[in-house]
Amino acid sequence: MRPANSTLRDFADGAYRGSAARSHIRSRAARACLALAAVACTTTIALADEDGVSFWVPGFFGSLAATPQQPGWSLASIYYHTDVSGSGNIAVSREITIGQFNPKLNANVNANVHAPPDIGFVIPSYVFATPIFGGQVSASLLMAYGNNDTSLNATTTGTLGPIPFTKSIALQQDTMGFGDLIPQFAERWNAGVNNYMVYLTGDIPVGRYSSSNLANIGIGHGALDGGLGYTYFDQKAGHEFSAVAGLTGNFKNPSTDYTNGIDFHLDWGASQFLTKQLQVGVVGYVYDQLTPDTGCAPQLCPFESRVIGIGPQIGFIFPVAGMQGYLNLKAYKEFDNANRPDGWNAWVTLVLSPAPAAESSPPPILTKSPPRS
């Protein structure tokens, strides 16, 4: 998270000397906040695209996502809570998956699913000091442990030949365990107020999962995701805006022979540093499935999902044991959903990273000219 050029170094150093002091604090905030943005969580709760929720959890990236980081090891711990509900095809899909409804049956289903999981994450990251292709490379690994308490209520009405019938179910399952492993690799370039990023991540499906479970921690299939990011950061004024867009490709779930479609996602954040330590702003995301799922029941396909979210964020920077600490709280309220549970979610993140380098020894990391990707 070290500054990329002399401009950023000037912004980071000269503490407590008028505007230079304010710039120093803002740069430290930027580097700390970026540690959050680079490793912000991807939770693998009980629902995937197969049941209305993607591998990619919107909100993964946030403010200052593309700005340079301080070389060396950093560690993020995240508490993630979401409270979402869904009805219609979302709940019917879950009912079919766990074998409670035969999709070949001619019937009407009134169903609702509710999932309020709590997930904790530990995310070690390493930022390389030596530039590669003129940019700064980082590697992270997301490891998760959590609890998922999911409930499903459904009433099915139909006929078996001339005989009418009604079937009601009320199921609840509370599952605890480890989630899938999610490695991430990123490269960042800086050119003054403009910052650029590319990233690649994916899902290694080793978490707790069973297709017969109502509540899971893993998603049961692999995935690859990659994208591009941009951050505008006015160092003197402390203004910032970031946007990261990506695409997710999914492998077949071997337990259900179901393959999710291609997903598009856009995460964004805007913030202002008000004091030496305080950052406030807004965050948001857009998630939209571009291609239909395959392997779903005929009455559900094409089963393409969509959701939008927006909410506030606040961050605080502080020194701790010779390192730099950053605490961030953000929350999203969701709307305009389709074939996907919606509700709200909140993230609490604590990042510990190397302290900023002193002005006397500021080895350059990045070039001033951004690459052309």
Protein backbone atom coordinates (compact mmCIF):
# COMPACT_ATOMS: atom_id res chain seq x y z
CA MET A 1 0.00 0.00 0.00
CA ARG A 2 2.96 2.33 -0.46
CA PRO A 3 2.53 5.40 -2.70
CA ALA A 4 3.41 4.88 -6.34
CA ASN A 5 5.34 8.03 -7.14
CA SER A 6 6.80 11.21 -5.70
CA THR A 7 3.42 12.94 -5.71
CA LEU A 8 1.94 10.26 -3.48
CA ARG A 9 5.03 10.25 -1.28
CA ASP A 10 4.73 14.01 -0.81
CA PHE A 11 1.11 13.47 0.09
CA ALA A 12 1.98 10.72 2.58
CA ASP A 13 4.81 12.49 4.43
CA GLY A 14 5.40 15.85 6.09
CA ALA A 15 2.93 15.13 8.90
CA TYR A 16 1.56 17.96 11.00
CA ARG A 17 2.76 20.72 8.68
CA GLY A 18 -0.41 22.39 7.42
CA SER A 19 -1.80 20.90 4.24
CA ALA A 20 1.09 18.45 4.08
CA ALA A 21 -0.06 17.04 7.42
CA ARG A 22 -3.60 16.60 6.13
CA SER A 23 -2.23 14.95 2.99
CA HIS A 24 -0.16 12.56 5.11
CA ILE A 25 -3.21 11.39 6.99
CA ARG A 26 -5.30 11.02 3.85
CA SER A 27 -2.63 8.91 2.18
CA ARG A 28 -2.41 6.66 5.23
CA ALA A 29 -6.18 6.38 5.12
CA ALA A 30 -6.02 5.49 1.45
CA ARG A 31 -3.51 2.73 1.99
CA ALA A 32 -5.38 1.31 4.96
CA CYS A 33 -8.71 1.48 3.19
CA LEU A 34 -7.23 -0.22 0.16
CA ALA A 35 -6.19 -3.16 2.29
CA LEU A 36 -9.87 -3.47 3.09
CA ALA A 37 -10.93 -3.11 -0.52
CA ALA A 38 -8.39 -5.62 -1.78
CA VAL A 39 -9.48 -8.38 0.57
CA ALA A 40 -13.11 -7.52 1.26
CA CYS A 41 -15.03 -10.70 1.67
CA THR A 42 -16.64 -13.09 -0.68
CA THR A 43 -19.01 -15.10 1.49
CA THR A 44 -20.24 -18.49 0.34
CA ILE A 45 -23.55 -18.84 2.15
CA ALA A 46 -26.18 -21.46 1.49
CA LEU A 47 -27.43 -20.00 -1.77
CA ALA A 48 -25.65 -19.91 -5.14
CA ASP A 49 -26.97 -18.83 -8.57
CA GLU A 50 -28.60 -22.24 -8.54
CA ASP A 51 -30.86 -20.97 -5.76
CA GLY A 52 -30.68 -17.26 -6.51
CA VAL A 53 -27.31 -16.01 -5.19
CA SER A 54 -23.96 -15.90 -7.00
CA PHE A 55 -20.40 -16.92 -6.12
CA TRP A 56 -19.57 -13.22 -6.26
CA VAL A 57 -21.00 -11.39 -3.28
CA PRO A 58 -21.66 -7.75 -4.25
CA GLY A 59 -19.67 -5.37 -2.06
CA PHE A 60 -16.40 -7.29 -2.40
CA PHE A 61 -14.58 -4.14 -3.53
CA GLY A 62 -15.09 -0.61 -2.23
CA SER A 63 -13.41 2.76 -1.98
CA LEU A 64 -9.77 3.15 -3.10
CA ALA A 65 -9.82 -0.31 -4.65
CA ALA A 66 -7.22 0.47 -7.34
CA THR A 67 -4.75 2.64 -5.37
CA PRO A 68 -1.27 1.25 -4.48
CA GLN A 69 -0.64 -0.64 -1.23
CA GLN A 70 2.21 -0.87 1.25
CA PRO A 71 4.56 -3.78 0.37
CA GLY A 72 4.69 -6.70 2.77
CA TRP A 73 2.20 -8.78 4.73
CA SER A 74 -1.17 -7.57 5.91
CA LEU A 75 -4.03 -9.29 7.68
CA ALA A 76 -7.75 -8.54 7.50
CA SER A 77 -10.48 -9.96 9.72
CA ILE A 78 -14.07 -9.45 8.65
CA TYR A 79 -17.44 -10.03 10.25
CA TYR A 80 -20.21 -10.27 7.65
CA HIS A 81 -23.92 -10.45 8.36
CA THR A 82 -26.71 -10.50 5.82
CA ASP A 83 -30.45 -10.88 6.23
CA VAL A 84 -32.17 -11.83 2.98
CA SER A 85 -35.48 -13.39 2.00
CA GLY A 86 -36.95 -14.63 -1.24
CA SER A 87 -40.16 -16.04 -2.61
CA GLY A 88 -41.43 -17.28 -5.96
CA ASN A 89 -38.84 -19.05 -8.12
CA ILE A 90 -36.10 -18.47 -5.53
CA ALA A 91 -37.86 -20.55 -2.88
CA VAL A 92 -39.16 -23.11 -5.39
CA SER A 93 -35.60 -23.62 -6.64
CA ARG A 94 -34.46 -24.38 -3.11
CA GLU A 95 -37.40 -26.73 -2.59
CA ILE A 96 -36.51 -28.64 -5.77
CA THR A 97 -32.80 -28.83 -4.84
CA ILE A 98 -33.46 -30.49 -1.47
CA GLY A 99 -36.03 -32.87 -2.95
CA GLN A 100 -39.19 -31.42 -1.39
CA PHE A 101 -40.94 -30.70 -4.70
CA ASN A 102 -41.10 -32.68 -7.94
CA PRO A 103 -40.74 -30.21 -10.84
CA LYS A 104 -42.66 -32.59 -13.11
CA LEU A 105 -45.76 -32.20 -10.94
CA ASN A 106 -48.54 -29.94 -12.19
CA ALA A 107 -48.99 -27.76 -9.12
CA ASN A 108 -48.87 -24.25 -7.73
CA VAL A 109 -46.29 -23.45 -5.06
CA ASN A 110 -46.37 -20.59 -2.57
CA ALA A 111 -42.96 -20.60 -0.87
CA ASN A 112 -40.58 -18.34 1.04
CA VAL A 113 -36.95 -18.80 2.06
CA HIS A 114 -35.11 -16.77 4.72
CA ALA A 115 -31.32 -16.85 5.28
CA PRO A 116 -29.54 -14.67 7.89
CA PRO A 117 -25.98 -16.09 8.02
CA ASP A 118 -23.06 -14.81 10.11
CA ILE A 119 -19.62 -15.35 8.57
CA GLY A 120 -16.14 -14.58 9.89
CA PHE A 121 -13.13 -14.25 7.60
CA VAL A 122 -9.36 -14.27 8.01
CA ILE A 123 -7.55 -12.92 4.94
CA PRO A 124 -3.73 -12.83 4.78
CA SER A 125 -2.32 -10.80 1.88
CA TYR A 126 1.14 -10.14 0.52
CA VAL A 127 2.13 -7.15 -1.63
CA PHE A 128 5.34 -7.54 -3.66
CA ALA A 129 7.79 -4.64 -3.57
CA THR A 130 9.32 -5.39 -6.99
CA PRO A 131 7.20 -4.08 -9.88
CA ILE A 132 5.98 -6.56 -12.48
CA PHE A 133 5.01 -5.12 -15.88
CA GLY A 134 5.31 -1.70 -14.28
CA GLY A 135 2.67 -2.44 -11.66
CA GLN A 136 2.32 -3.62 -8.08
CA VAL A 137 1.25 -7.25 -7.60
CA SER A 138 -0.57 -8.67 -4.58
CA ALA A 139 -1.83 -12.11 -3.56
CA SER A 140 -4.53 -12.92 -0.99
CA LEU A 141 -6.34 -15.97 0.36
CA LEU A 142 -9.80 -15.74 1.88
CA MET A 143 -10.65 -18.32 4.55
CA ALA A 144 -14.11 -18.40 6.10
CA TYR A 145 -15.92 -19.95 9.05
CA GLY A 146 -19.53 -19.26 9.84
CA ASN A 147 -23.05 -20.14 10.78
CA ASN A 148 -25.98 -20.28 8.36
CA ASP A 149 -29.52 -20.56 9.72
CA THR A 150 -31.98 -20.98 6.83
CA SER A 151 -35.72 -21.57 6.91
CA LEU A 152 -38.13 -22.60 4.14
CA ASN A 153 -41.92 -22.46 4.27
CA ALA A 154 -44.00 -23.69 1.34
CA THR A 155 -47.51 -24.75 0.42
CA THR A 156 -48.07 -26.80 -2.72
CA THR A 157 -51.51 -27.26 -4.26
CA GLY A 158 -52.38 -29.33 -7.33
CA THR A 159 -54.03 -32.47 -8.58
CA LEU A 160 -52.97 -36.09 -8.94
CA GLY A 161 -55.25 -37.13 -11.76
CA PRO A 162 -58.75 -36.16 -10.56
CA ILE A 163 -57.70 -35.95 -6.91
CA PRO A 164 -56.79 -32.49 -5.52
CA PHE A 165 -54.08 -32.25 -2.88
CA THR A 166 -52.31 -29.73 -0.63
CA LYS A 167 -48.87 -30.18 0.90
CA SER A 168 -47.29 -27.82 3.41
CA ILE A 169 -43.70 -27.88 4.68
CA ALA A 170 -41.84 -25.82 7.27
CA LEU A 171 -38.12 -26.59 7.36
CA GLN A 172 -35.24 -25.03 9.26
CA GLN A 173 -31.56 -25.92 9.35
CA ASP A 174 -28.64 -24.38 11.20
CA THR A 175 -25.23 -25.26 9.72
CA MET A 176 -21.77 -24.34 11.01
CA GLY A 177 -18.46 -24.98 9.29
CA PHE A 178 -15.69 -23.76 7.02
CA GLY A 179 -16.35 -22.08 3.71
CA ASP A 180 -14.64 -22.52 0.36
CA LEU A 181 -11.11 -21.20 -0.22
CA ILE A 182 -10.91 -18.10 -2.41
CA PRO A 183 -7.49 -16.97 -3.70
CA GLN A 184 -7.14 -13.58 -5.33
CA PHE A 185 -4.37 -12.00 -7.43
CA ALA A 186 -4.29 -8.33 -8.41
CA GLU A 187 -2.03 -5.81 -10.13
CA ARG A 188 -2.27 -2.03 -9.73
CA TRP A 189 -0.83 0.96 -11.56
CA ASN A 190 -0.75 4.62 -10.53
CA ALA A 191 -0.63 7.85 -12.58
CA GLY A 192 -1.23 10.85 -10.33
CA VAL A 193 -4.91 11.02 -9.40
CA ASN A 194 -5.68 8.05 -11.68
CA ASN A 195 -5.24 4.46 -10.50
CA TYR A 196 -5.90 1.24 -12.41
CA MET A 197 -6.27 -2.40 -11.43
CA VAL A 198 -6.83 -5.87 -12.86
CA TYR A 199 -7.71 -8.86 -10.69
CA LEU A 200 -8.36 -12.60 -10.91
CA THR A 201 -10.09 -14.68 -8.27
CA GLY A 202 -12.07 -17.89 -7.99
CA ASP A 203 -13.71 -20.50 -5.79
CA ILE A 204 -12.07 -23.72 -4.62
CA PRO A 205 -15.10 -25.76 -3.45
CA VAL A 206 -13.77 -27.36 -0.26
CA GLY A 207 -16.27 -25.81 2.18
CA ARG A 208 -19.12 -27.57 3.94
CA TYR A 209 -21.76 -28.35 1.33
CA SER A 210 -24.42 -30.95 0.56
CA SER A 211 -27.10 -30.66 -2.11
CA SER A 212 -29.59 -32.15 0.37
CA ASN A 213 -28.88 -29.44 2.96
CA LEU A 214 -31.19 -26.48 3.33
CA ALA A 215 -28.27 -24.47 4.77
CA ASN A 216 -24.70 -24.68 3.47
CA ILE A 217 -21.46 -22.78 3.97
CA GLY A 218 -19.77 -23.75 0.68
CA ILE A 219 -21.38 -23.39 -2.76
CA GLY A 220 -20.61 -26.85 -4.14
CA HIS A 221 -18.93 -25.83 -7.39
CA GLY A 222 -15.88 -24.00 -8.70
CA ALA A 223 -15.86 -20.55 -10.28
CA LEU A 224 -13.50 -18.08 -11.95
CA ASP A 225 -13.89 -14.32 -11.78
CA GLY A 226 -11.85 -11.47 -13.24
CA GLY A 227 -12.21 -7.79 -13.90
CA LEU A 228 -10.92 -4.22 -14.09
CA GLY A 229 -10.93 -1.38 -11.59
CA TYR A 230 -10.37 2.37 -11.51
CA THR A 231 -9.93 4.86 -8.67
CA TYR A 232 -9.86 8.64 -8.91
CA PHE A 233 -8.13 10.05 -5.82
CA ASP A 234 -7.45 13.75 -5.35
CA GLN A 235 -4.74 13.61 -2.72
CA LYS A 236 -4.89 17.25 -1.65
CA ALA A 237 -8.66 17.52 -1.33
CA GLY A 238 -9.23 13.96 -0.15
CA HIS A 239 -11.93 13.27 -2.76
CA GLU A 240 -12.21 9.72 -4.02
CA PHE A 241 -14.31 7.57 -6.33
CA SER A 242 -13.78 3.91 -7.25
CA ALA A 243 -15.47 1.40 -9.52
CA VAL A 244 -14.61 -2.26 -10.16
CA ALA A 245 -16.40 -4.36 -12.80
CA GLY A 246 -16.03 -8.07 -13.38
CA LEU A 247 -17.46 -11.26 -14.86
CA THR A 248 -17.97 -14.64 -13.16
CA GLY A 249 -17.84 -17.96 -14.99
CA ASN A 250 -19.13 -21.01 -13.12
CA PHE A 251 -18.32 -24.71 -13.32
CA LYS A 252 -20.99 -27.41 -13.08
CA ASN A 253 -22.15 -28.46 -9.63
CA PRO A 254 -21.35 -32.22 -9.69
CA SER A 255 -24.00 -32.94 -7.05
CA THR A 256 -26.89 -31.48 -9.04
CA ASP A 257 -25.61 -31.23 -12.67
CA TYR A 258 -26.55 -27.55 -12.49
CA THR A 259 -24.40 -24.84 -14.08
CA ASN A 260 -24.85 -21.17 -13.27
CA GLY A 261 -24.81 -18.56 -16.03
CA ILE A 262 -22.25 -15.80 -16.57
CA ASP A 263 -22.60 -13.00 -14.00
CA PHE A 264 -21.73 -9.31 -14.35
CA HIS A 265 -21.05 -7.22 -11.25
CA LEU A 266 -20.09 -3.62 -10.58
CA ASP A 267 -18.95 -2.44 -7.13
CA TRP A 268 -18.40 1.26 -6.45
CA GLY A 269 -17.56 3.58 -3.60
CA ALA A 270 -17.14 7.31 -3.02
CA SER A 271 -15.64 8.91 0.07
CA GLN A 272 -14.21 12.04 1.65
CA PHE A 273 -11.53 12.25 4.34
CA LEU A 274 -12.88 14.78 6.86
CA THR A 275 -10.08 14.73 9.46
CA LYS A 276 -6.71 13.12 10.04
CA GLN A 277 -8.34 9.78 10.81
CA LEU A 278 -11.96 9.87 9.67
CA GLN A 279 -13.37 8.86 6.28
CA VAL A 280 -17.07 8.90 5.33
CA GLY A 281 -18.88 8.07 2.12
CA VAL A 282 -21.31 5.86 0.24
CA VAL A 283 -20.97 2.44 -1.39
CA GLY A 284 -23.07 0.53 -3.87
CA TYR A 285 -23.25 -2.34 -6.31
CA VAL A 286 -25.07 -3.66 -9.36
CA TYR A 287 -25.30 -7.40 -10.02
CA ASP A 288 -26.87 -8.79 -13.20
CA GLN A 289 -26.77 -12.29 -14.67
CA LEU A 290 -26.01 -12.14 -18.40
CA THR A 291 -26.70 -15.72 -19.49
CA PRO A 292 -29.24 -18.24 -18.17
CA ASP A 293 -28.50 -21.17 -15.91
CA THR A 294 -28.51 -24.68 -17.36
CA GLY A 295 -29.78 -27.76 -15.59
CA CYS A 296 -32.68 -26.00 -13.88
CA ALA A 297 -36.29 -27.21 -13.99
CA PRO A 298 -38.25 -26.06 -17.07
CA GLN A 299 -40.64 -23.92 -15.02
CA LEU A 300 -37.66 -22.04 -13.53
CA CYS A 301 -35.37 -21.49 -16.52
CA PRO A 302 -33.86 -19.18 -17.67
CA PHE A 303 -33.61 -18.14 -13.97
CA GLU A 304 -31.42 -15.04 -14.42
CA SER A 305 -30.72 -12.99 -11.27
CA ARG A 306 -30.40 -9.27 -10.63
CA VAL A 307 -30.04 -6.96 -7.61
CA ILE A 308 -28.89 -3.42 -6.77
CA GLY A 309 -27.60 -2.17 -3.40
CA ILE A 310 -26.52 1.12 -1.83
CA GLY A 311 -25.57 2.33 1.63
CA PRO A 312 -23.19 4.32 3.89
CA GLN A 313 -19.61 3.69 4.96
CA ILE A 314 -17.29 5.07 7.63
CA GLY A 315 -13.60 4.39 8.25
CA PHE A 316 -11.10 5.13 11.01
CA ILE A 317 -7.26 4.94 10.88
CA PHE A 318 -5.11 4.36 13.98
CA PRO A 319 -1.57 3.21 14.88
CA VAL A 320 -1.21 -0.18 16.58
CA ALA A 321 1.98 -1.95 17.74
CA GLY A 322 4.19 -0.26 15.16
CA MET A 323 1.75 -1.05 12.37
CA GLN A 324 -1.22 0.70 10.82
CA GLY A 325 -4.77 -0.24 11.75
CA TYR A 326 -7.92 0.50 9.80
CA LEU A 327 -11.50 -0.10 10.93
CA ASN A 328 -14.30 0.12 8.38
CA LEU A 329 -18.06 -0.27 8.70
CA LYS A 330 -20.36 -0.36 5.70
CA ALA A 331 -23.90 -1.53 4.99
CA TYR A 332 -26.12 -2.02 1.94
CA LYS A 333 -29.88 -1.98 1.39
CA GLU A 334 -30.92 -4.00 -1.67
CA PHE A 335 -33.68 -3.37 -4.20
CA ASP A 336 -34.76 -4.15 -7.79
CA ASN A 337 -34.11 -7.86 -7.29
CA ALA A 338 -35.09 -10.66 -9.65
CA ASN A 339 -34.67 -14.40 -9.01
CA ARG A 340 -32.45 -13.57 -6.05
CA PRO A 341 -33.11 -13.04 -2.34
CA ASP A 342 -32.84 -9.43 -1.24
CA GLY A 343 -32.60 -7.60 2.06
CA TRP A 344 -29.63 -5.92 3.70
CA ASN A 345 -26.06 -6.74 4.67
CA ALA A 346 -23.38 -5.23 6.90
CA TRP A 347 -19.58 -5.57 6.95
CA VAL A 348 -17.18 -4.83 9.83
CA THR A 349 -13.52 -5.03 8.79
CA LEU A 350 -10.29 -4.64 10.74
CA VAL A 351 -7.06 -4.46 8.72
CA LEU A 352 -3.49 -4.55 10.08
CA SER A 353 -0.83 -3.56 7.56
CA PRO A 354 2.77 -2.27 7.52
CA ALA A 355 3.17 1.33 8.59
CA PRO A 356 3.85 3.83 5.77
CA ALA A 357 7.50 4.25 4.82
CA ALA A 358 9.32 7.39 5.97
CA GLU A 359 10.13 10.09 3.44
CA SER A 360 13.85 9.38 3.80
CA SER A 361 13.45 5.93 2.29
CA PRO A 362 10.65 5.90 -0.25
CA PRO A 363 11.63 3.31 -2.85
CA PRO A 364 9.54 3.76 -5.99
CA ILE A 365 7.07 1.02 -6.75
CA LEU A 366 5.12 2.04 -9.83
CA THR A 367 5.65 4.12 -12.90
CA LYS A 368 3.81 7.39 -13.40
CA SER A 369 2.42 6.33 -16.73
CA PRO A 370 -0.49 3.87 -16.57
CA PRO A 371 -0.46 0.81 -18.82
CA ARG A 372 -2.83 0.44 -21.72
CA SER A 373 -4.87 -2.69 -21.09
